[in-house]
Amino acid sequence: MTDDGAAGRAPAHIRDVLFPGRWALWQQRRGLVGYCLLAEAAAVVLTVRAAVTTVPTARDLVVLATLAGMGILQAELGRQVERVRRRVNTTPHINMTSVWTFAGVLLLPAALVAALVAVLYLHLAVRSWYRLRRVPPFRTVFNASLVTLTCHAASAVLVLAGVPAMGAVLDAGWRGVVAVVLAGVVYFAVGALVALPGLTVEKRTVQALFGGWADNALEASTLCLGVLTALALATLPALAVLVVPPLLFLHRGVLVKQLEVAATTDEKTGLFNTAGWHNLATRELARVERTPDACFGVLMIDLDHFKRINDTHGHLAGDAVLKAVATAITDSVRDYDSVGRFGGEEFVVLLPDVTRTDVITVAERVRASIEVLTVATTATVIDDLSASIGVAMYPDAGAAVERLLQAADEALYQAKSLGRNRVVSLT
C-alpha cells in the first residue's frame, strides 16, 4: 500500500529532476522529508547488504527478466484503466505491482527482488511523467523504497522459516505453505505500516490511513496471484502468462466499483450526493418496515446566509466552508449514520435506530458544532456560521422517503422563519 496523494502536484519537468535544489521533496513537511530519506537509506543499506552475499544464477536473472517483463506488460495493458482509477480513487493508492514483487520474494534473492522493484517503479515513473507530468519524482522513489523494505521483511520470514525460495517451499510441504502465508501476512502488514508516516490525508481515520475493505481485498488478491505466479514459474513457467488475464479483469472490476462509489459521492465534500443518500435511505426504510417498532430520524440542515459568504468572500471560500461544515456534521454523528449534501448549502442526515429525543439531541449537537466553526481561507477567517435544522421521524412524519424529506424541509422552513440557528421538529 502506497500513497500518491502528497502535496506538490505541480507538473514535474526534467530540470526538476536533474537539479537537487529543485526537487519537490524539499517543499514537503519536515517530518515527511526526514522519513523519505530514512526509508530510502534503509532500502539501500539492506539491498547492498543482501547483494554482497548473493551470487545470482542464470536462472535467477531469467526469472527477474520474466517478472519485470510481465509487470511492464500488465502495466501497459491496464494503463487506461489505471489512469481512470487514479482520478476517482480517494483512498490510499494500492497498485497491481504486488503480484510481481511478491512472486519475486518467493523466487529470487532479496537483492534481485529490490532490482525488480526498481525496474517496475522506473517504468511507472516514466509512464506517469510522460502521460501526467504531475507525480513528483520523489514520491515514486519513496514508494519504491517502501516496497523494497516490505519485500525485505517478507524475504526475511522465508529465510527464518528455512524456505528461502519456492523450490524449498515445495519440498517442505505444509511447513512451506505456512511460511508463504506468514510471508504474505508480513508483506501485507509491513506494507501498510511503513506507508503511514508518508500518507497525506486530512482525516486520520482507520479507513483514511489503511484504506477500505475493497482496497485491502485488492491487495490480498494481488498477493494470492503473486503466489500462483511464483508456483507457475517454479514448476511450469509457460503457465505464468495465464495470470495476466485475471489480473486485468480484477483491475477493471476494482475500477467499476470505484466508479460506482464516485457516482454517489459529492465532489466538494466527499459526502453522499442526492442519489447516494436516497439509495441508502430507501434501503433503511425497507429494513425498518420488516422490523416491528423500528424507527429512524432525518435531519435537514441548511446553512444560514450562505449566499452572503459567497458574495463577500468568493466561491472558493464558500467551498472551504462547505467542506468544514461537512466534517463538523460527520464528526457529530455516529459512524453508521449517513450524511449527504443535497446541493448548495443543504445537508441531510439519516439516523437509524434512534428515538425522537435522541434525534433532537443529535441535531442540537450538529447545530452547536457548526456555530463554533472557524474556517481559515487564504484571504480571511470565517467564524460567524450558523445553521437551521428541521427534524422528521419515521413513521410519525411519513412512511416514504420523499414524505420524510418533505416533513424535515417544512420543519427547516419554520426554523428559518423563527429566526434561524435553531432546531425545529413538527412531529
Protein backbone atom coordinates (compact mmCIF):
# COMPACT_ATOMS: atom_id res chain seq x y z
CA MET A 1 0.00 0.00 0.00
CA THR A 2 1.42 3.33 -1.02
CA ASP A 3 0.19 6.88 -1.08
CA ASP A 4 0.18 9.03 -4.15
CA GLY A 5 -1.64 11.89 -2.50
CA ALA A 6 1.24 14.05 -1.37
CA ALA A 7 1.27 17.77 -1.66
CA GLY A 8 3.21 19.22 -4.54
CA ARG A 9 1.15 18.06 -7.52
CA ALA A 10 2.65 20.63 -9.86
CA PRO A 11 3.90 19.24 -13.19
CA ALA A 12 7.33 17.63 -12.98
CA HIS A 13 9.86 18.70 -15.62
CA ILE A 14 13.27 17.29 -16.48
CA ARG A 15 15.07 20.20 -14.82
CA ASP A 16 13.19 19.46 -11.60
CA VAL A 17 14.79 16.01 -11.61
CA LEU A 18 18.32 16.92 -12.69
CA PHE A 19 18.88 19.69 -10.15
CA PRO A 20 18.59 18.53 -6.50
CA GLY A 21 17.82 22.04 -5.32
CA ARG A 22 14.59 21.99 -7.35
CA TRP A 23 13.32 18.65 -6.02
CA ALA A 24 9.73 18.81 -4.80
CA LEU A 25 10.83 16.78 -1.78
CA TRP A 26 12.23 19.88 -0.09
CA GLN A 27 8.83 21.57 -0.28
CA GLN A 28 7.16 18.90 1.86
CA ARG A 29 6.69 19.00 5.61
CA ARG A 30 9.88 18.38 7.59
CA GLY A 31 8.70 15.05 9.01
CA LEU A 32 7.95 13.67 5.55
CA VAL A 33 11.33 14.79 4.21
CA GLY A 34 13.09 13.00 7.07
CA TYR A 35 11.03 9.85 6.67
CA CYS A 36 11.63 9.74 2.91
CA LEU A 37 15.38 9.99 3.37
CA LEU A 38 15.34 7.40 6.19
CA ALA A 39 13.27 4.91 4.17
CA GLU A 40 15.45 5.32 1.09
CA ALA A 41 18.64 4.93 3.11
CA ALA A 42 17.31 1.81 4.84
CA ALA A 43 16.27 0.27 1.50
CA VAL A 44 19.71 0.94 0.00
CA VAL A 45 21.60 -0.43 3.04
CA LEU A 46 19.52 -3.63 3.21
CA THR A 47 19.82 -4.18 -0.53
CA VAL A 48 23.60 -3.65 -0.58
CA ARG A 49 23.96 -5.95 2.41
CA ALA A 50 21.98 -8.65 0.61
CA ALA A 51 23.86 -8.10 -2.63
CA VAL A 52 27.32 -8.71 -1.16
CA THR A 53 26.22 -12.17 -0.01
CA THR A 54 24.32 -13.06 -3.17
CA VAL A 55 25.67 -14.71 -6.30
CA PRO A 56 22.78 -14.71 -8.78
CA THR A 57 22.45 -17.69 -11.05
CA ALA A 58 21.49 -17.57 -14.71
CA ARG A 59 18.06 -18.87 -13.74
CA ASP A 60 17.64 -16.02 -11.24
CA LEU A 61 18.34 -13.49 -13.96
CA VAL A 62 15.86 -15.16 -16.30
CA VAL A 63 13.17 -15.11 -13.58
CA LEU A 64 13.97 -11.45 -12.86
CA ALA A 65 13.62 -10.55 -16.52
CA THR A 66 10.39 -12.57 -16.81
CA LEU A 67 8.73 -10.91 -13.81
CA ALA A 68 9.86 -7.46 -14.92
CA GLY A 69 8.57 -8.10 -18.44
CA MET A 70 5.21 -9.40 -17.23
CA GLY A 71 4.88 -6.49 -14.82
CA ILE A 72 5.57 -3.94 -17.56
CA LEU A 73 3.21 -5.78 -19.95
CA GLN A 74 0.41 -5.74 -17.38
CA ALA A 75 1.01 -2.06 -16.64
CA GLU A 76 0.84 -1.21 -20.33
CA LEU A 77 -2.27 -3.29 -20.99
CA GLY A 78 -4.02 -1.79 -17.97
CA ARG A 79 -2.79 1.79 -18.27
CA GLN A 80 -6.14 3.20 -19.44
CA VAL A 81 -7.96 1.58 -16.54
CA GLU A 82 -5.30 2.71 -14.08
CA ARG A 83 -5.44 6.29 -15.33
CA VAL A 84 -9.19 6.47 -14.72
CA ARG A 85 -8.85 4.63 -11.40
CA ARG A 86 -6.36 7.21 -10.15
CA ARG A 87 -8.77 10.01 -10.97
CA VAL A 88 -11.66 8.54 -8.99
CA ASN A 89 -9.70 6.89 -6.18
CA THR A 90 -9.68 8.80 -2.88
CA THR A 91 -8.16 6.10 -0.67
CA PRO A 92 -4.53 5.23 -0.26
CA HIS A 93 -3.35 4.02 -3.67
CA ILE A 94 -2.79 0.28 -3.98
CA ASN A 95 -1.35 -0.68 -7.36
CA MET A 96 -1.00 -4.07 -9.02
CA THR A 97 2.77 -4.48 -8.71
CA SER A 98 2.36 -6.68 -5.61
CA VAL A 99 1.67 -9.62 -7.94
CA TRP A 100 5.18 -9.41 -9.37
CA THR A 101 7.08 -8.21 -6.32
CA PHE A 102 5.64 -10.89 -4.03
CA ALA A 103 6.30 -13.52 -6.68
CA GLY A 104 9.87 -12.17 -6.70
CA VAL A 105 10.07 -12.60 -2.92
CA LEU A 106 9.16 -16.28 -3.37
CA LEU A 107 11.56 -16.88 -6.26
CA LEU A 108 14.55 -14.54 -6.02
CA PRO A 109 17.28 -13.49 -3.59
CA ALA A 110 16.41 -10.29 -1.73
CA ALA A 111 18.87 -8.16 -3.73
CA LEU A 112 17.28 -9.17 -7.02
CA VAL A 113 13.80 -8.51 -5.62
CA ALA A 114 14.99 -4.95 -4.94
CA ALA A 115 16.19 -4.75 -8.54
CA LEU A 116 12.77 -5.95 -9.71
CA VAL A 117 11.06 -3.22 -7.67
CA ALA A 118 13.42 -0.64 -9.15
CA VAL A 119 12.61 -1.72 -12.73
CA LEU A 120 8.85 -1.75 -12.18
CA TYR A 121 8.76 1.63 -10.46
CA LEU A 122 11.11 3.16 -13.00
CA HIS A 123 8.62 2.14 -15.68
CA LEU A 124 5.76 3.60 -13.63
CA ALA A 125 7.73 6.82 -13.16
CA VAL A 126 8.45 7.19 -16.86
CA ARG A 127 4.86 6.39 -17.77
CA SER A 128 3.47 8.80 -15.15
CA TRP A 129 5.81 11.59 -16.24
CA TYR A 130 5.12 11.08 -19.92
CA ARG A 131 1.34 10.92 -19.54
CA LEU A 132 0.60 13.02 -16.46
CA ARG A 133 3.69 15.12 -15.64
CA ARG A 134 2.30 15.78 -12.18
CA VAL A 135 3.63 12.99 -9.95
CA PRO A 136 6.68 14.32 -8.07
CA PRO A 137 9.69 12.04 -8.75
CA PHE A 138 10.48 11.87 -5.04
CA ARG A 139 7.11 10.20 -4.46
CA THR A 140 7.89 7.37 -6.88
CA VAL A 141 11.34 6.86 -5.33
CA PHE A 142 9.82 6.91 -1.87
CA ASN A 143 7.11 4.39 -2.82
CA ALA A 144 9.72 2.10 -4.40
CA SER A 145 11.79 2.30 -1.20
CA LEU A 146 8.78 1.33 0.93
CA VAL A 147 8.01 -1.63 -1.33
CA THR A 148 11.67 -2.67 -1.17
CA LEU A 149 11.56 -2.60 2.64
CA THR A 150 8.34 -4.62 2.55
CA CYS A 151 9.94 -7.23 0.28
CA HIS A 152 13.00 -7.48 2.55
CA ALA A 153 10.71 -8.13 5.52
CA ALA A 154 8.80 -10.86 3.68
CA SER A 155 12.04 -12.43 2.42
CA ALA A 156 13.36 -12.49 5.98
CA VAL A 157 10.32 -14.52 7.06
CA LEU A 158 11.06 -17.15 4.44
CA VAL A 159 14.74 -17.30 5.41
CA LEU A 160 13.86 -17.70 9.09
CA ALA A 161 11.42 -20.47 8.18
CA GLY A 162 14.17 -22.29 6.29
CA VAL A 163 12.45 -21.99 2.89
CA PRO A 164 14.19 -19.07 1.15
CA ALA A 165 12.80 -19.88 -2.31
CA MET A 166 9.82 -21.55 -3.97
CA GLY A 167 11.72 -24.76 -4.63
CA ALA A 168 12.34 -25.18 -0.91
CA VAL A 169 8.69 -24.32 -0.21
CA LEU A 170 7.53 -27.15 -2.47
CA ASP A 171 9.89 -29.59 -0.77
CA ALA A 172 8.82 -28.52 2.74
CA GLY A 173 5.15 -29.42 2.33
CA TRP A 174 2.82 -27.87 4.91
CA ARG A 175 5.72 -26.08 6.60
CA GLY A 176 6.35 -24.33 3.30
CA VAL A 177 2.67 -23.41 2.98
CA VAL A 178 2.68 -21.85 6.45
CA ALA A 179 5.87 -19.95 5.63
CA VAL A 180 4.34 -18.50 2.45
CA VAL A 181 1.19 -17.47 4.31
CA LEU A 182 3.27 -15.80 7.04
CA ALA A 183 5.37 -14.03 4.40
CA GLY A 184 2.16 -12.77 2.78
CA VAL A 185 0.81 -11.53 6.11
CA VAL A 186 4.09 -9.74 6.84
CA TYR A 187 4.12 -8.24 3.34
CA PHE A 188 0.56 -7.01 3.83
CA ALA A 189 1.11 -5.63 7.34
CA VAL A 190 4.53 -4.08 6.81
CA GLY A 191 3.37 -2.53 3.54
CA ALA A 192 0.53 -0.78 5.38
CA LEU A 193 2.56 0.29 8.40
CA VAL A 194 5.65 1.68 6.65
CA ALA A 195 3.39 3.83 4.45
CA LEU A 196 1.65 5.52 7.40
CA PRO A 197 4.19 8.28 8.12
CA GLY A 198 4.21 9.25 4.46
CA LEU A 199 0.45 9.49 3.97
CA THR A 200 -1.03 12.90 3.23
CA VAL A 201 -4.61 12.67 4.44
CA GLU A 202 -6.82 15.24 6.12
CA LYS A 203 -8.71 12.80 8.35
CA ARG A 204 -6.70 10.36 10.42
CA THR A 205 -9.40 7.69 10.42
CA VAL A 206 -8.72 3.97 10.07
CA GLN A 207 -10.14 3.98 6.53
CA ALA A 208 -8.19 7.09 5.53
CA LEU A 209 -4.96 5.54 6.84
CA PHE A 210 -5.36 1.90 5.81
CA GLY A 211 -7.96 2.08 3.04
CA GLY A 212 -11.37 0.42 2.92
CA TRP A 213 -12.26 -3.24 2.56
CA ALA A 214 -12.13 -3.00 -1.23
CA ASP A 215 -8.58 -1.58 -1.16
CA ASN A 216 -7.32 -4.28 1.18
CA ALA A 217 -9.17 -7.03 -0.65
CA LEU A 218 -7.37 -5.91 -3.81
CA GLU A 219 -4.01 -6.08 -2.03
CA ALA A 220 -4.79 -9.57 -0.67
CA SER A 221 -5.89 -10.70 -4.13
CA THR A 222 -2.69 -9.47 -5.75
CA LEU A 223 -0.64 -11.36 -3.15
CA CYS A 224 -2.56 -14.55 -3.92
CA LEU A 225 -1.91 -14.05 -7.62
CA GLY A 226 1.74 -13.49 -6.75
CA VAL A 227 1.87 -16.92 -5.09
CA LEU A 228 0.28 -18.54 -8.16
CA THR A 229 2.74 -16.73 -10.44
CA ALA A 230 5.68 -17.97 -8.37
CA LEU A 231 4.28 -21.50 -8.33
CA ALA A 232 3.85 -21.49 -12.11
CA LEU A 233 7.37 -20.16 -12.75
CA ALA A 234 8.85 -22.74 -10.37
CA THR A 235 7.06 -25.68 -12.00
CA LEU A 236 5.58 -24.94 -15.44
CA PRO A 237 6.82 -21.46 -16.46
CA ALA A 238 4.66 -21.25 -19.59
CA LEU A 239 1.55 -21.23 -17.37
CA ALA A 240 2.63 -17.96 -15.75
CA VAL A 241 1.15 -15.95 -18.62
CA LEU A 242 -2.30 -17.17 -17.51
CA VAL A 243 -2.04 -14.82 -14.51
CA VAL A 244 -2.26 -11.71 -16.69
CA PRO A 245 -5.91 -12.02 -17.93
CA PRO A 246 -7.48 -12.45 -14.45
CA LEU A 247 -5.24 -9.66 -13.17
CA LEU A 248 -6.52 -7.29 -15.84
CA PHE A 249 -10.09 -8.38 -15.13
CA LEU A 250 -9.55 -7.76 -11.40
CA HIS A 251 -8.12 -4.34 -12.20
CA ARG A 252 -11.15 -3.40 -14.28
CA GLY A 253 -13.53 -4.76 -11.63
CA VAL A 254 -11.96 -2.54 -9.00
CA LEU A 255 -12.39 0.45 -11.30
CA VAL A 256 -16.08 -0.34 -11.81
CA LYS A 257 -16.61 -0.44 -8.05
CA GLN A 258 -14.79 2.85 -7.57
CA LEU A 259 -16.83 4.46 -10.34
CA GLU A 260 -19.99 3.32 -8.57
CA VAL A 261 -18.76 4.97 -5.39
CA ALA A 262 -17.80 8.14 -7.27
CA ALA A 263 -21.28 8.29 -8.84
CA THR A 264 -22.87 8.51 -5.37
CA THR A 265 -20.34 10.91 -3.83
CA ASP A 266 -20.42 14.70 -3.69
CA GLU A 267 -17.15 16.01 -5.15
CA LYS A 268 -16.81 19.07 -2.93
CA THR A 269 -17.40 17.45 0.45
CA GLY A 270 -16.89 13.71 0.00
CA LEU A 271 -20.36 13.07 1.44
CA PHE A 272 -23.12 11.14 -0.29
CA ASN A 273 -24.78 13.08 -3.08
CA THR A 274 -28.55 13.16 -3.55
CA ALA A 275 -28.70 9.84 -5.41
CA GLY A 276 -26.37 8.08 -2.99
CA TRP A 277 -28.25 9.27 0.08
CA HIS A 278 -31.63 8.37 -1.43
CA ASN A 279 -30.41 4.83 -2.11
CA LEU A 280 -29.27 4.41 1.49
CA ALA A 281 -32.49 5.90 2.87
CA THR A 282 -34.58 3.59 0.69
CA ARG A 283 -32.67 0.54 1.95
CA GLU A 284 -33.04 1.70 5.55
CA LEU A 285 -36.77 2.20 5.03
CA ALA A 286 -37.10 -1.32 3.64
CA ARG A 287 -35.24 -2.65 6.69
CA VAL A 288 -37.37 -0.89 9.32
CA GLU A 289 -40.58 -1.92 7.56
CA ARG A 290 -39.62 -5.53 8.35
CA THR A 291 -38.76 -4.70 11.98
CA PRO A 292 -41.57 -4.09 14.49
CA ASP A 293 -41.35 -0.79 16.40
CA ALA A 294 -38.27 0.28 14.42
CA CYS A 295 -37.75 3.95 13.68
CA PHE A 296 -35.23 6.39 12.28
CA GLY A 297 -34.75 10.12 12.08
CA VAL A 298 -33.95 12.54 9.27
CA LEU A 299 -32.23 15.90 9.70
CA MET A 300 -32.42 18.61 7.04
CA ILE A 301 -29.64 21.14 7.63
CA ASP A 302 -29.33 24.48 5.87
CA LEU A 303 -26.52 26.99 6.42
CA ASP A 304 -27.79 30.43 7.32
CA HIS A 305 -26.89 33.32 4.99
CA PHE A 306 -24.56 31.16 2.89
CA LYS A 307 -25.11 33.35 -0.19
CA ARG A 308 -23.64 36.23 1.77
CA ILE A 309 -20.45 34.21 2.30
CA ASN A 310 -20.09 33.55 -1.41
CA ASP A 311 -20.86 37.18 -2.30
CA THR A 312 -18.45 38.59 0.29
CA HIS A 313 -15.55 36.16 0.26
CA GLY A 314 -15.92 34.34 -3.07
CA HIS A 315 -16.89 30.83 -4.10
CA LEU A 316 -13.56 29.27 -3.10
CA ALA A 317 -14.15 30.46 0.47
CA GLY A 318 -17.69 29.10 0.19
CA ASP A 319 -16.34 25.71 -0.85
CA ALA A 320 -13.98 25.73 2.15
CA VAL A 321 -16.95 26.43 4.42
CA LEU A 322 -18.95 23.58 2.89
CA LYS A 323 -16.07 21.16 3.49
CA ALA A 324 -15.66 22.32 7.08
CA VAL A 325 -19.39 22.03 7.75
CA ALA A 326 -19.45 18.55 6.20
CA THR A 327 -16.67 17.49 8.57
CA ALA A 328 -18.42 19.06 11.56
CA ILE A 329 -21.65 17.21 10.78
CA THR A 330 -19.87 13.89 10.23
CA ASP A 331 -17.94 14.26 13.48
CA SER A 332 -21.19 14.99 15.36
CA VAL A 333 -22.97 11.78 14.34
CA ARG A 334 -22.20 8.08 14.54
CA ASP A 335 -20.02 6.25 12.03
CA TYR A 336 -23.00 4.37 10.60
CA ASP A 337 -25.24 7.44 10.24
CA SER A 338 -25.49 8.62 6.64
CA VAL A 339 -24.63 12.23 5.82
CA GLY A 340 -25.38 13.68 2.39
CA ARG A 341 -25.27 17.00 0.57
CA PHE A 342 -28.33 17.92 -1.43
CA GLY A 343 -26.64 20.69 -3.38
CA GLY A 344 -25.99 24.29 -2.44
CA GLU A 345 -25.72 24.70 1.31
CA GLU A 346 -28.22 22.00 2.24
CA PHE A 347 -27.24 18.78 4.02
CA VAL A 348 -29.26 15.78 5.15
CA VAL A 349 -28.57 13.12 7.77
CA LEU A 350 -30.16 9.68 8.23
CA LEU A 351 -30.10 8.43 11.84
CA PRO A 352 -31.11 4.75 12.19
CA ASP A 353 -32.44 3.21 15.41
CA VAL A 354 -32.95 6.38 17.45
CA THR A 355 -35.76 7.90 19.47
CA ARG A 356 -37.17 11.36 18.86
CA THR A 357 -35.35 12.64 21.94
CA ASP A 358 -32.07 11.25 20.63
CA VAL A 359 -32.62 12.86 17.23
CA ILE A 360 -33.22 16.29 18.79
CA THR A 361 -30.06 15.84 20.87
CA VAL A 362 -28.01 14.97 17.79
CA ALA A 363 -29.50 17.88 15.86
CA GLU A 364 -28.56 20.31 18.64
CA ARG A 365 -25.05 18.87 18.72
CA VAL A 366 -24.72 19.40 14.96
CA ARG A 367 -26.05 22.96 15.25
CA ALA A 368 -23.64 23.78 18.08
CA SER A 369 -20.65 22.31 16.22
CA ILE A 370 -21.38 24.49 13.17
CA GLU A 371 -21.87 27.56 15.34
CA VAL A 372 -18.35 27.33 16.77
CA LEU A 373 -16.64 26.59 13.45
CA THR A 374 -13.72 28.75 12.35
CA VAL A 375 -12.80 28.39 8.68
CA ALA A 376 -9.48 29.91 7.60
CA THR A 377 -9.13 30.76 3.92
CA THR A 378 -6.26 32.36 2.03
CA ALA A 379 -7.87 35.81 2.36
CA THR A 380 -9.83 35.77 5.60
CA VAL A 381 -11.21 33.83 8.56
CA ILE A 382 -14.92 33.00 8.61
CA ASP A 383 -16.29 32.39 12.10
CA ASP A 384 -19.89 33.61 12.09
CA LEU A 385 -21.55 30.45 10.82
CA SER A 386 -24.88 29.02 11.91
CA ALA A 387 -27.41 26.51 10.62
CA SER A 388 -31.13 25.89 10.81
CA ILE A 389 -32.20 22.25 11.18
CA GLY A 390 -35.51 20.51 10.53
CA VAL A 391 -36.27 17.11 12.07
CA ALA A 392 -38.58 14.33 10.86
CA MET A 393 -39.22 10.91 12.40
CA TYR A 394 -40.28 7.65 10.80
CA PRO A 395 -43.10 6.62 10.95
CA ASP A 396 -44.73 9.68 12.57
CA ALA A 397 -43.87 12.07 9.73
CA GLY A 398 -44.48 9.56 6.95
CA ALA A 399 -43.70 6.10 5.65
CA ALA A 400 -41.91 7.10 2.44
CA VAL A 401 -38.51 8.73 1.93
CA GLU A 402 -39.96 11.66 -0.02
CA ARG A 403 -42.58 12.31 2.66
CA LEU A 404 -39.93 12.29 5.39
CA LEU A 405 -37.80 14.72 3.43
CA GLN A 406 -40.80 16.95 2.88
CA ALA A 407 -41.60 16.94 6.61
CA ALA A 408 -37.98 17.73 7.50
CA ASP A 409 -37.97 20.52 4.92
CA GLU A 410 -41.18 22.01 6.39
CA ALA A 411 -39.57 21.95 9.84
CA LEU A 412 -36.46 23.58 8.39
CA TYR A 413 -38.56 26.34 6.82
CA GLN A 414 -40.15 27.02 10.20
CA ALA A 415 -36.72 27.16 11.85
CA LYS A 416 -35.75 29.80 9.29
CA SER A 417 -38.98 31.71 9.96
CA LEU A 418 -38.36 31.71 13.72
CA GLY A 419 -35.00 33.46 13.36
CA ARG A 420 -32.56 30.77 12.14
CA ASN A 421 -29.83 28.96 14.09
CA ARG A 422 -32.26 26.59 15.74
CA VAL A 423 -33.71 23.07 15.60
CA VAL A 424 -37.41 22.50 14.87
CA SER A 425 -39.42 19.28 14.74
CA LEU A 426 -43.05 19.21 13.61
CA THR A 427 -43.63 15.58 14.65
